[in-house]
């Protein structure tokens, strides 16, 4: 009987530990999380939300207008595939993706390749996208 009680106590402790919030996420897991959020925003057509993950310096240097955002409303995303990535010596993380795009006006379907570049902001403890939103009109 004491052995069963000890096991139950141990399981309860493990369950409590599993529910504890993470106090310090690694840079790698933080990158995974922000890349997931970014790709989800793109997949669901939330380009304003994706724009919020772009480096504030890039947003200030190359702001998007209401007309720019209205162009994104003329398309649907049919796929977002991570093709792999590398880390530059500067610490910038590069990820190549393939995005399926459907033009809502013409129903034309095509694929666009895009290279994301991410930098870690030590002060803000977050990753920022340096490459801006993808140009989904390449060749148009």
Protein backbone atom coordinates (compact mmCIF):
# COMPACT_ATOMS: atom_id res chain seq x y z
CA UNK A 1 0.00 0.00 0.00
CA UNK A 2 2.71 2.61 0.78
CA UNK A 3 4.26 1.94 -2.64
CA UNK A 4 0.96 2.79 -4.38
CA UNK A 5 0.65 5.96 -2.33
CA UNK A 6 4.20 6.97 -3.25
CA UNK A 7 3.48 6.41 -6.95
CA UNK A 8 0.30 8.49 -6.77
CA UNK A 9 2.18 11.29 -5.02
CA UNK A 10 4.93 11.18 -7.64
CA UNK A 11 2.38 11.32 -10.48
CA UNK A 12 0.65 14.28 -8.86
CA UNK A 13 3.96 16.14 -8.56
CA UNK A 14 4.79 15.44 -12.20
CA UNK A 15 1.36 16.69 -13.26
CA UNK A 16 1.87 19.90 -11.30
CA UNK A 17 5.30 20.46 -12.84
CA UNK A 18 3.93 19.94 -16.33
CA UNK A 19 1.44 22.74 -15.75
CA UNK A 20 4.05 25.25 -14.60
CA UNK A 21 4.75 28.09 -17.04
CA UNK A 22 8.16 28.34 -18.65
CA UNK A 23 10.17 31.09 -17.05
CA UNK A 24 12.85 31.26 -19.72
CA UNK A 25 12.37 30.04 -23.26
CA UNK A 26 15.47 29.45 -25.32
CA UNK A 27 16.12 31.63 -28.35
CA UNK A 28 15.58 28.58 -30.55
CA UNK A 29 12.16 27.78 -29.17
CA UNK A 30 11.25 31.48 -29.27
CA UNK A 31 12.21 31.50 -32.96
CA UNK A 32 10.10 28.41 -33.61
CA UNK A 33 7.16 30.09 -31.91
CA UNK A 34 7.42 33.39 -33.78
CA UNK A 35 7.93 31.61 -37.12
CA UNK A 36 4.85 29.51 -36.42
CA UNK A 37 2.82 32.63 -35.59
CA UNK A 38 4.09 34.37 -38.73
CA UNK A 39 3.36 31.44 -41.04
CA UNK A 40 -0.10 31.02 -39.49
CA UNK A 41 -0.85 34.70 -40.08
CA UNK A 42 0.22 34.38 -43.72
CA UNK A 43 -1.73 31.14 -44.23
CA UNK A 44 -4.91 32.71 -42.83
CA UNK A 45 -4.49 35.95 -44.78
CA UNK A 46 -3.78 38.07 -41.69
CA UNK A 47 -1.17 40.25 -43.35
CA UNK A 48 -1.65 43.05 -40.82
CA UNK A 49 -0.82 40.56 -38.06
CA UNK A 50 2.20 39.29 -40.00
CA UNK A 51 3.30 42.91 -40.51
CA UNK A 52 3.53 43.30 -36.72
CA UNK A 53 6.30 40.66 -36.68
CA UNK A 54 8.42 42.63 -39.16
CA UNK A 55 11.38 44.46 -37.61
CA UNK A 56 10.23 47.93 -36.46
CA UNK A 57 13.18 49.52 -38.29
CA UNK A 58 12.10 47.86 -41.55
CA UNK A 59 8.50 49.00 -40.98
CA UNK A 60 9.69 52.57 -40.46
CA UNK A 61 11.97 52.53 -43.53
CA UNK A 62 9.49 50.83 -45.87
CA UNK A 63 5.97 51.40 -44.52
CA UNK A 64 3.04 49.65 -46.19
CA UNK A 65 0.04 51.73 -47.21
CA UNK A 66 -3.65 50.86 -47.15
CA UNK A 67 -3.33 50.20 -50.90
CA UNK A 68 -0.54 47.69 -50.22
CA UNK A 69 -2.71 45.87 -47.69
CA UNK A 70 -5.71 45.94 -50.07
CA UNK A 71 -3.63 44.03 -52.64
CA UNK A 72 -3.21 41.20 -50.12
CA UNK A 73 -7.01 41.00 -49.83
CA UNK A 74 -7.14 40.03 -53.52
CA UNK A 75 -5.40 36.71 -52.90
CA UNK A 76 -5.79 33.54 -50.85
CA UNK A 77 -2.95 31.41 -49.59
CA UNK A 78 -3.27 27.73 -50.50
CA UNK A 79 -0.04 26.54 -48.91
CA UNK A 80 2.97 27.57 -46.87
CA UNK A 81 5.86 25.11 -46.89
CA UNK A 82 9.10 25.43 -44.94
CA UNK A 83 11.92 24.38 -47.27
CA UNK A 84 14.70 24.61 -44.67
CA UNK A 85 17.09 27.21 -43.49
CA UNK A 86 20.54 28.24 -42.33
CA UNK A 87 22.18 30.57 -39.85
CA UNK A 88 24.43 33.35 -41.13
CA UNK A 89 27.66 34.17 -39.26
CA UNK A 90 25.96 37.36 -37.99
CA UNK A 91 23.35 35.22 -36.22
CA UNK A 92 20.58 36.05 -38.69
CA UNK A 93 18.44 32.98 -39.36
CA UNK A 94 17.41 32.40 -42.97
CA UNK A 95 14.40 30.25 -43.86
CA UNK A 96 13.26 29.46 -47.39
CA UNK A 97 9.54 28.94 -47.89
CA UNK A 98 7.21 28.15 -50.74
CA UNK A 99 3.83 29.87 -50.75
CA UNK A 100 0.83 28.77 -52.82
CA UNK A 101 -1.12 31.81 -54.03
CA UNK A 102 -4.60 32.01 -55.57
CA UNK A 103 -5.60 35.27 -57.26
CA UNK A 104 -9.26 35.76 -56.28
CA UNK A 105 -10.03 37.80 -59.40
CA UNK A 106 -8.60 35.41 -62.00
CA UNK A 107 -8.55 32.18 -59.96
CA UNK A 108 -4.99 31.69 -61.22
CA UNK A 109 -2.90 29.49 -58.95
CA UNK A 110 0.85 29.80 -58.65
CA UNK A 111 3.74 29.19 -56.32
CA UNK A 112 6.08 31.86 -54.95
CA UNK A 113 9.40 31.20 -53.25
CA UNK A 114 10.35 33.54 -50.46
CA UNK A 115 13.38 33.88 -48.22
CA UNK A 116 12.71 34.98 -44.66
CA UNK A 117 15.53 36.57 -42.63
CA UNK A 118 15.11 36.69 -38.84
CA UNK A 119 17.20 38.57 -36.27
CA UNK A 120 17.12 38.26 -32.51
CA UNK A 121 16.60 41.50 -30.58
CA UNK A 122 18.38 41.04 -27.25
CA UNK A 123 16.76 44.12 -25.68
CA UNK A 124 13.20 43.10 -26.62
CA UNK A 125 13.92 39.37 -26.17
CA UNK A 126 12.15 38.59 -29.43
CA UNK A 127 12.81 37.70 -33.06
CA UNK A 128 12.03 40.16 -35.86
CA UNK A 129 11.56 39.50 -39.57
CA UNK A 130 14.04 41.56 -41.59
CA UNK A 131 12.79 40.64 -45.06
CA UNK A 132 9.34 42.21 -44.81
CA UNK A 133 6.16 40.66 -46.15
CA UNK A 134 6.52 38.41 -49.20
CA UNK A 135 6.10 39.83 -52.69
CA UNK A 136 3.29 37.60 -53.88
CA UNK A 137 3.13 39.32 -57.27
CA UNK A 138 6.53 38.29 -58.59
CA UNK A 139 6.41 38.35 -62.35
CA UNK A 140 2.98 40.05 -62.51
